[in-house]
Each structure stands twice: as structure tokens, then as C-alpha cells.
Amino acid sequence: MIALQGLALLLLLQTAGELIVRALGVGLPGPVLGLAMLLPALGWAPVARRVEAVASVLLQHLSLLFVPVGVGVIVHLGALAPLGWKLGLVIVVSTWVGMTVTALALRALLGKSEPRDG
């Protein structure tokens, strides 16, 4: 039951973000604004507990979330075929950029937490 409450909370914040974006014409996706609103709300224990419950359920079934994407790619393969090498390049470059930024952020955070010798 608590996971359903967490899911309802996430959907409510996503909807609120979408409504704000459409009303104010903010140049940002509604779900991103909803996540930005979720961040301070996670400081409140009842919200954090509910979000943690739904997050663990979603992470257990994460592979199922890739099925619609895979089906979409197969269905529209004819439209994507001419862009194949460009899509491949974007995937490779964005993966490397993401890994690099993550490694640099981790290095910076670990560097601050560990005492330096000398």
C-alpha cells in the first residue's frame, strides 16, 4: 500500500510540474520540474519513506521498462535505418560523456571526504 502511495505522489508531482510548465511556458520538461519539486520534499520522512518503497519496486522491475523502447525501435526501424551511424555515434559519445562526468564527480566528492596524507 505504501508503494502505491509513493507512486501516486510521484505522478502527482509529475502532473504538477507539467501543469506549471504549460501555464508559465517554462523551457523545461514537466517531469523534470516535478523531480525538482520532489528533491526538497524528500527531506520530509513520510515522503521519503513512500518514495523509497516505490523506488525499490521500480528498480526490481527496471528491465521491463526497456520493453516499450525496444518495441518502438523495432516498429520504426525503417525510419531509423538511415540515421543508424548517427544514432550509434550519439549513443557512444553520450555514454562516454556520462561516464566521464560521473568519474570526475566521484573523484571530487571522494577527494573532499578522505584526509590527505602529507
Protein backbone atom coordinates (compact mmCIF):
# COMPACT_ATOMS: atom_id res chain seq x y z
CA MET A 1 0.00 0.00 0.00
CA ILE A 2 2.83 2.39 0.82
CA ALA A 3 4.38 1.79 -2.63
CA LEU A 4 1.10 2.79 -4.26
CA GLN A 5 1.07 5.97 -2.20
CA GLY A 6 4.62 6.67 -3.35
CA LEU A 7 3.64 6.09 -6.98
CA ALA A 8 0.67 8.42 -6.57
CA LEU A 9 2.98 11.04 -5.08
CA LEU A 10 5.42 10.75 -7.98
CA LEU A 11 2.61 11.00 -10.52
CA LEU A 12 1.12 13.97 -8.67
CA LEU A 13 4.45 15.81 -8.75
CA GLN A 14 4.93 14.98 -12.43
CA THR A 15 1.45 16.31 -13.20
CA ALA A 16 2.05 19.43 -11.12
CA GLY A 17 5.32 20.02 -12.97
CA GLU A 18 3.58 19.59 -16.32
CA LEU A 19 0.80 21.99 -15.35
CA ILE A 20 3.29 24.62 -14.17
CA VAL A 21 5.34 24.29 -17.36
CA ARG A 22 2.26 24.66 -19.55
CA ALA A 23 0.84 27.55 -17.52
CA LEU A 24 4.08 29.54 -17.28
CA GLY A 25 5.74 28.43 -20.51
CA VAL A 26 8.89 27.38 -18.69
CA GLY A 27 11.51 25.95 -21.09
CA LEU A 28 11.86 22.74 -19.10
CA PRO A 29 10.08 19.36 -19.30
CA GLY A 30 7.27 18.95 -16.77
CA PRO A 31 8.63 15.72 -15.27
CA VAL A 32 11.99 17.42 -14.65
CA LEU A 33 10.25 20.23 -12.77
CA GLY A 34 8.30 17.58 -10.85
CA LEU A 35 11.56 15.91 -9.84
CA ALA A 36 12.95 19.29 -8.79
CA MET A 37 9.91 19.69 -6.54
CA LEU A 38 10.45 16.16 -5.20
CA LEU A 39 14.01 16.89 -4.10
CA PRO A 40 13.16 19.19 -1.14
CA ALA A 41 10.12 17.03 -0.31
CA LEU A 42 12.45 14.06 0.28
CA GLY A 43 13.66 15.83 3.42
CA TRP A 44 10.30 15.01 4.99
CA ALA A 45 10.31 11.45 6.37
CA PRO A 46 6.79 10.40 5.29
CA VAL A 47 7.51 11.41 1.69
CA ALA A 48 10.95 9.77 1.70
CA ARG A 49 9.52 6.52 3.07
CA ARG A 50 6.84 6.35 0.38
CA VAL A 51 9.22 7.23 -2.45
CA GLU A 52 11.75 4.68 -1.20
CA ALA A 53 9.06 1.98 -1.26
CA VAL A 54 8.01 2.70 -4.85
CA ALA A 55 11.63 3.17 -5.99
CA SER A 56 12.61 -0.28 -4.73
CA VAL A 57 9.67 -1.85 -6.59
CA LEU A 58 10.52 0.03 -9.80
CA LEU A 59 14.20 -0.90 -9.56
CA GLN A 60 13.32 -4.59 -9.11
CA HIS A 61 11.45 -4.46 -12.43
CA LEU A 62 13.67 -1.97 -14.26
CA SER A 63 14.30 -4.29 -17.19
CA LEU A 64 10.59 -4.29 -18.01
CA LEU A 65 10.71 -0.54 -18.55
CA PHE A 66 13.00 -1.09 -21.56
CA VAL A 67 10.49 -3.30 -23.40
CA PRO A 68 8.39 -0.41 -24.83
CA VAL A 69 11.55 1.31 -26.07
CA GLY A 70 12.78 -1.85 -27.74
CA VAL A 71 9.41 -2.45 -29.38
CA GLY A 72 9.33 1.17 -30.59
CA VAL A 73 12.76 0.83 -32.17
CA ILE A 74 11.77 -2.39 -33.94
CA VAL A 75 8.47 -0.90 -35.16
CA HIS A 76 10.17 2.22 -36.52
CA LEU A 77 13.34 0.52 -37.73
CA GLY A 78 12.70 1.65 -41.30
CA ALA A 79 12.64 5.29 -40.22
CA LEU A 80 15.72 4.89 -38.01
CA ALA A 81 17.85 2.94 -40.51
CA PRO A 82 19.09 5.99 -42.47
CA LEU A 83 20.20 7.56 -39.19
CA GLY A 84 21.90 4.41 -37.90
CA TRP A 85 25.51 5.60 -37.79
CA LYS A 86 24.47 9.00 -36.37
CA LEU A 87 22.43 7.34 -33.63
CA GLY A 88 25.32 4.99 -32.87
CA LEU A 89 27.72 7.92 -32.63
CA VAL A 90 25.38 9.82 -30.31
CA ILE A 91 24.97 6.76 -28.09
CA VAL A 92 28.73 6.18 -27.85
CA VAL A 93 29.62 9.85 -27.25
CA SER A 94 26.85 10.41 -24.69
CA THR A 95 27.83 7.22 -22.84
CA TRP A 96 31.47 8.35 -22.64
CA VAL A 97 30.49 11.86 -21.56
CA GLY A 98 28.21 10.45 -18.85
CA MET A 99 30.91 8.11 -17.59
CA THR A 100 33.50 10.91 -17.59
CA VAL A 101 31.28 13.34 -15.69
CA THR A 102 30.37 10.63 -13.18
CA ALA A 103 34.04 9.71 -12.64
CA LEU A 104 35.05 13.36 -12.19
CA ALA A 105 32.19 14.00 -9.76
CA LEU A 106 33.09 10.88 -7.79
CA ARG A 107 36.75 11.87 -7.71
CA ALA A 108 35.83 15.35 -6.48
CA LEU A 109 33.47 14.02 -3.79
CA LEU A 110 35.85 11.33 -2.58
CA GLY A 111 38.69 13.81 -2.54
CA LYS A 112 36.77 16.00 -0.12
CA SER A 113 35.82 13.18 2.23
CA GLU A 114 39.21 11.47 2.55
CA PRO A 115 42.00 13.07 4.59
CA ARG A 116 45.14 13.86 2.61
CA ASP A 117 48.50 12.37 3.67
CA GLY A 118 51.44 14.66 4.00
